[in-house]
Amino acid sequence: MLENLVASYISTLNEDLVMEYASKNGYSLREDEAITITKFLKTYWRDLLRKDKTCFEVLRSSLRKETFDQVIQLYEENKKYI
């Protein structure tokens, strides 16, 4: 059931929503980073639901270190809800 719910949400996810979420959590993203994160989430959401953090290596080289660290921090803070 959780997977179906997330699949429905992921299909509507876009860069604006990613930027809004980051902003609400006190982080600032560049537009290209929001695009990269959106593509990452649409590709690897099942891995993240399984708490498989190895997929983050794909993201590491595509973001500024500061942004990558913020993504990891948000993941760690929110994985308890999975």
C-alpha atoms as a PDB file:
ATOM      1  CA  MET A   1       0.000   0.000   0.000  1.00  0.00           C
ATOM      2  CA  LEU A   2       2.779   2.467   0.879  1.00  0.00           C
ATOM      3  CA  GLU A   3       4.490   1.759  -2.419  1.00  0.00           C
ATOM      4  CA  ASN A   4       1.294   2.536  -4.349  1.00  0.00           C
ATOM      5  CA  LEU A   5       0.839   5.785  -2.449  1.00  0.00           C
ATOM      6  CA  VAL A   6       4.405   6.872  -3.104  1.00  0.00           C
ATOM      7  CA  ALA A   7       4.160   5.855  -6.768  1.00  0.00           C
ATOM      8  CA  SER A   8       1.126   8.121  -7.155  1.00  0.00           C
ATOM      9  CA  TYR A   9       2.928  11.033  -5.543  1.00  0.00           C
ATOM     10  CA  ILE A  10       6.180  10.511  -7.459  1.00  0.00           C
ATOM     11  CA  SER A  11       4.324  10.748 -10.745  1.00  0.00           C
ATOM     12  CA  THR A  12       3.294  14.315  -9.841  1.00  0.00           C
ATOM     13  CA  LEU A  13       6.642  15.381  -8.394  1.00  0.00           C
ATOM     14  CA  ASN A  14       8.344  18.295 -10.136  1.00  0.00           C
ATOM     15  CA  GLU A  15      11.228  20.692  -9.592  1.00  0.00           C
ATOM     16  CA  ASP A  16       9.006  23.368  -8.069  1.00  0.00           C
ATOM     17  CA  LEU A  17       7.804  20.978  -5.365  1.00  0.00           C
ATOM     18  CA  VAL A  18      11.381  19.915  -4.616  1.00  0.00           C
ATOM     19  CA  MET A  19      12.478  23.554  -4.335  1.00  0.00           C
ATOM     20  CA  GLU A  20       9.492  24.371  -2.112  1.00  0.00           C
ATOM     21  CA  TYR A  21      10.238  21.420   0.189  1.00  0.00           C
ATOM     22  CA  ALA A  22      13.887  22.398   0.448  1.00  0.00           C
ATOM     23  CA  SER A  23      12.954  25.994   1.212  1.00  0.00           C
ATOM     24  CA  LYS A  24      10.508  24.947   3.941  1.00  0.00           C
ATOM     25  CA  ASN A  25      13.359  23.019   5.529  1.00  0.00           C
ATOM     26  CA  GLY A  26      15.719  25.987   5.390  1.00  0.00           C
ATOM     27  CA  TYR A  27      17.729  24.938   2.331  1.00  0.00           C
ATOM     28  CA  SER A  28      18.309  26.808  -0.885  1.00  0.00           C
ATOM     29  CA  LEU A  29      18.599  24.909  -4.158  1.00  0.00           C
ATOM     30  CA  ARG A  30      19.686  26.066  -7.562  1.00  0.00           C
ATOM     31  CA  GLU A  31      17.286  25.202 -10.357  1.00  0.00           C
ATOM     32  CA  ASP A  32      19.683  22.645 -11.875  1.00  0.00           C
ATOM     33  CA  GLU A  33      19.991  20.923  -8.492  1.00  0.00           C
ATOM     34  CA  ALA A  34      16.213  20.734  -8.141  1.00  0.00           C
ATOM     35  CA  ILE A  35      16.019  19.127 -11.584  1.00  0.00           C
ATOM     36  CA  THR A  36      18.741  16.633 -10.648  1.00  0.00           C
ATOM     37  CA  ILE A  37      17.083  15.752  -7.338  1.00  0.00           C
ATOM     38  CA  THR A  38      13.684  15.360  -8.992  1.00  0.00           C
ATOM     39  CA  LYS A  39      15.101  12.958 -11.584  1.00  0.00           C
ATOM     40  CA  PHE A  40      16.936  11.079  -8.836  1.00  0.00           C
ATOM     41  CA  LEU A  41      13.769  10.681  -6.754  1.00  0.00           C
ATOM     42  CA  LYS A  42      11.726   9.545  -9.744  1.00  0.00           C
ATOM     43  CA  THR A  43      14.368   6.923 -10.533  1.00  0.00           C
ATOM     44  CA  TYR A  44      15.398   5.694  -7.080  1.00  0.00           C
ATOM     45  CA  TRP A  45      12.320   6.104  -4.880  1.00  0.00           C
ATOM     46  CA  ARG A  46      11.900   2.343  -4.482  1.00  0.00           C
ATOM     47  CA  ASP A  47      15.487   2.028  -3.252  1.00  0.00           C
ATOM     48  CA  LEU A  48      14.879   4.819  -0.766  1.00  0.00           C
ATOM     49  CA  LEU A  49      11.729   3.113   0.508  1.00  0.00           C
ATOM     50  CA  ARG A  50      13.845   0.007   1.127  1.00  0.00           C
ATOM     51  CA  LYS A  51      16.326   2.272   2.952  1.00  0.00           C
ATOM     52  CA  ASP A  52      19.041   1.394   0.456  1.00  0.00           C
ATOM     53  CA  LYS A  53      21.377   4.370   0.646  1.00  0.00           C
ATOM     54  CA  THR A  54      23.779   3.116  -2.029  1.00  0.00           C
ATOM     55  CA  CYS A  55      21.803   4.992  -4.683  1.00  0.00           C
ATOM     56  CA  PHE A  56      23.019   8.284  -3.198  1.00  0.00           C
ATOM     57  CA  GLU A  57      26.410   7.674  -4.804  1.00  0.00           C
ATOM     58  CA  VAL A  58      24.768   8.444  -8.144  1.00  0.00           C
ATOM     59  CA  LEU A  59      23.710  11.815  -6.785  1.00  0.00           C
ATOM     60  CA  ARG A  60      26.983  12.772  -5.063  1.00  0.00           C
ATOM     61  CA  SER A  61      28.827  13.895  -8.207  1.00  0.00           C
ATOM     62  CA  SER A  62      25.843  15.831  -9.557  1.00  0.00           C
ATOM     63  CA  LEU A  63      25.385  18.256  -6.651  1.00  0.00           C
ATOM     64  CA  ARG A  64      27.469  20.718  -4.718  1.00  0.00           C
ATOM     65  CA  LYS A  65      28.864  19.102  -1.565  1.00  0.00           C
ATOM     66  CA  GLU A  66      26.732  21.383   0.608  1.00  0.00           C
ATOM     67  CA  THR A  67      23.570  20.414  -1.248  1.00  0.00           C
ATOM     68  CA  PHE A  68      24.433  16.715  -1.207  1.00  0.00           C
ATOM     69  CA  ASP A  69      24.995  16.874   2.557  1.00  0.00           C
ATOM     70  CA  GLN A  70      21.625  18.593   2.975  1.00  0.00           C
ATOM     71  CA  VAL A  71      19.899  15.878   0.941  1.00  0.00           C
ATOM     72  CA  ILE A  72      21.460  13.205   3.146  1.00  0.00           C
ATOM     73  CA  GLN A  73      20.448  15.101   6.267  1.00  0.00           C
ATOM     74  CA  LEU A  74      16.835  15.399   5.092  1.00  0.00           C
ATOM     75  CA  TYR A  75      16.796  11.706   4.216  1.00  0.00           C
ATOM     76  CA  GLU A  76      18.135  10.742   7.648  1.00  0.00           C
ATOM     77  CA  GLU A  77      15.584  12.976   9.389  1.00  0.00           C
ATOM     78  CA  ASN A  78      12.670  11.581   7.378  1.00  0.00           C
ATOM     79  CA  LYS A  79      13.471   7.893   6.921  1.00  0.00           C
ATOM     80  CA  LYS A  80      11.739   7.111  10.208  1.00  0.00           C
ATOM     81  CA  TYR A  81       8.445   7.812   8.436  1.00  0.00           C
ATOM     82  CA  ILE A  82       9.024   5.060   5.905  1.00  0.00           C
END
